[in-house]
Amino acid sequence: MNMIESARRVTDRESLVEFVREMRDDLNSGDGSWENPTLERFLDALAAWCSESSAAEVVAPSWTLVAEMLGAASLYE
């Protein structure tokens, strides 16, 4: 699954829930595509991406931005 492309399709709460479930399934597939497969590494990457991204400047985040943040954390180094 391409996390960023999938994240950009999130527009509301329901589609965010579906995206998170897709993330879970992708992680459980065990194909090694996740750079940050543990909760600790995922959360570290999420924090790093949020602090270094231009998304940090967004005043009113959208459902899409939340999904992009989660998707990026699975891959961010």
Protein backbone atom coordinates (compact mmCIF):
# COMPACT_ATOMS: atom_id res chain seq x y z
CA MET A 1 0.00 0.00 0.00
CA ASN A 2 1.28 3.46 -0.82
CA MET A 3 0.64 5.22 2.49
CA ILE A 4 0.81 8.76 1.20
CA GLU A 5 -1.52 8.15 -1.76
CA SER A 6 -3.98 6.35 0.52
CA ALA A 7 -3.74 9.13 3.11
CA ARG A 8 -4.68 11.74 0.52
CA ARG A 9 -7.99 9.96 -0.05
CA VAL A 10 -9.01 10.47 3.60
CA THR A 11 -11.71 13.12 3.87
CA ASP A 12 -13.66 12.34 7.04
CA ARG A 13 -13.70 10.27 10.21
CA GLU A 14 -14.95 7.13 8.50
CA SER A 15 -12.27 7.19 5.82
CA LEU A 16 -9.61 7.81 8.49
CA VAL A 17 -10.81 4.72 10.35
CA GLU A 18 -10.55 2.70 7.13
CA PHE A 19 -7.07 4.10 6.46
CA VAL A 20 -5.86 3.12 9.94
CA ARG A 21 -7.24 -0.39 9.42
CA GLU A 22 -5.41 -0.58 6.08
CA MET A 23 -2.23 0.52 7.86
CA ARG A 24 -2.68 -2.28 10.40
CA ASP A 25 -3.21 -4.84 7.65
CA ASP A 26 -0.18 -3.54 5.76
CA LEU A 27 2.00 -3.80 8.86
CA ASN A 28 0.74 -7.31 9.60
CA SER A 29 1.48 -8.44 6.05
CA GLY A 30 5.13 -8.62 7.10
CA ASP A 31 6.49 -7.55 3.72
CA GLY A 32 9.09 -5.31 5.37
CA SER A 33 7.85 -2.09 3.78
CA TRP A 34 7.53 -0.32 7.13
CA GLU A 35 10.63 1.59 8.19
CA ASN A 36 9.18 1.89 11.71
CA PRO A 37 7.39 -1.37 12.57
CA THR A 38 7.45 -1.02 16.38
CA LEU A 39 5.26 1.37 18.34
CA GLU A 40 8.32 3.13 19.78
CA ARG A 41 9.90 3.72 16.37
CA PHE A 42 6.54 4.69 14.86
CA LEU A 43 5.88 7.29 17.55
CA ASP A 44 9.43 8.66 17.29
CA ALA A 45 9.00 9.01 13.53
CA LEU A 46 5.58 10.62 13.96
CA ALA A 47 7.03 13.20 16.35
CA ALA A 48 9.99 13.86 14.05
CA TRP A 49 7.82 14.20 10.95
CA CYS A 50 5.41 16.56 12.71
CA SER A 51 8.21 18.79 13.97
CA GLU A 52 10.12 18.87 10.67
CA SER A 53 7.21 19.03 8.24
CA SER A 54 5.53 22.13 6.90
CA ALA A 55 2.37 20.53 8.27
CA ALA A 56 3.43 21.90 11.66
CA GLU A 57 2.39 25.33 10.39
CA VAL A 58 -1.18 24.28 9.62
CA VAL A 59 -3.64 26.09 11.86
CA ALA A 60 -6.67 23.85 11.31
CA PRO A 61 -5.60 20.28 10.48
CA SER A 62 -7.82 18.17 8.25
CA TRP A 63 -8.65 14.48 8.32
CA THR A 64 -6.32 14.13 5.35
CA LEU A 65 -3.44 15.73 7.23
CA VAL A 66 -3.94 13.37 10.18
CA ALA A 67 -3.80 10.42 7.79
CA GLU A 68 -0.71 11.82 6.04
CA MET A 69 1.00 12.17 9.43
CA LEU A 70 0.24 8.55 10.32
CA GLY A 71 1.25 7.28 6.91
CA ALA A 72 4.50 9.23 6.93
CA ALA A 73 5.40 7.88 10.37
CA SER A 74 5.42 4.35 9.00
CA LEU A 75 8.15 5.31 6.51
CA TYR A 76 9.97 8.33 7.93
CA GLU A 77 13.64 7.88 8.76
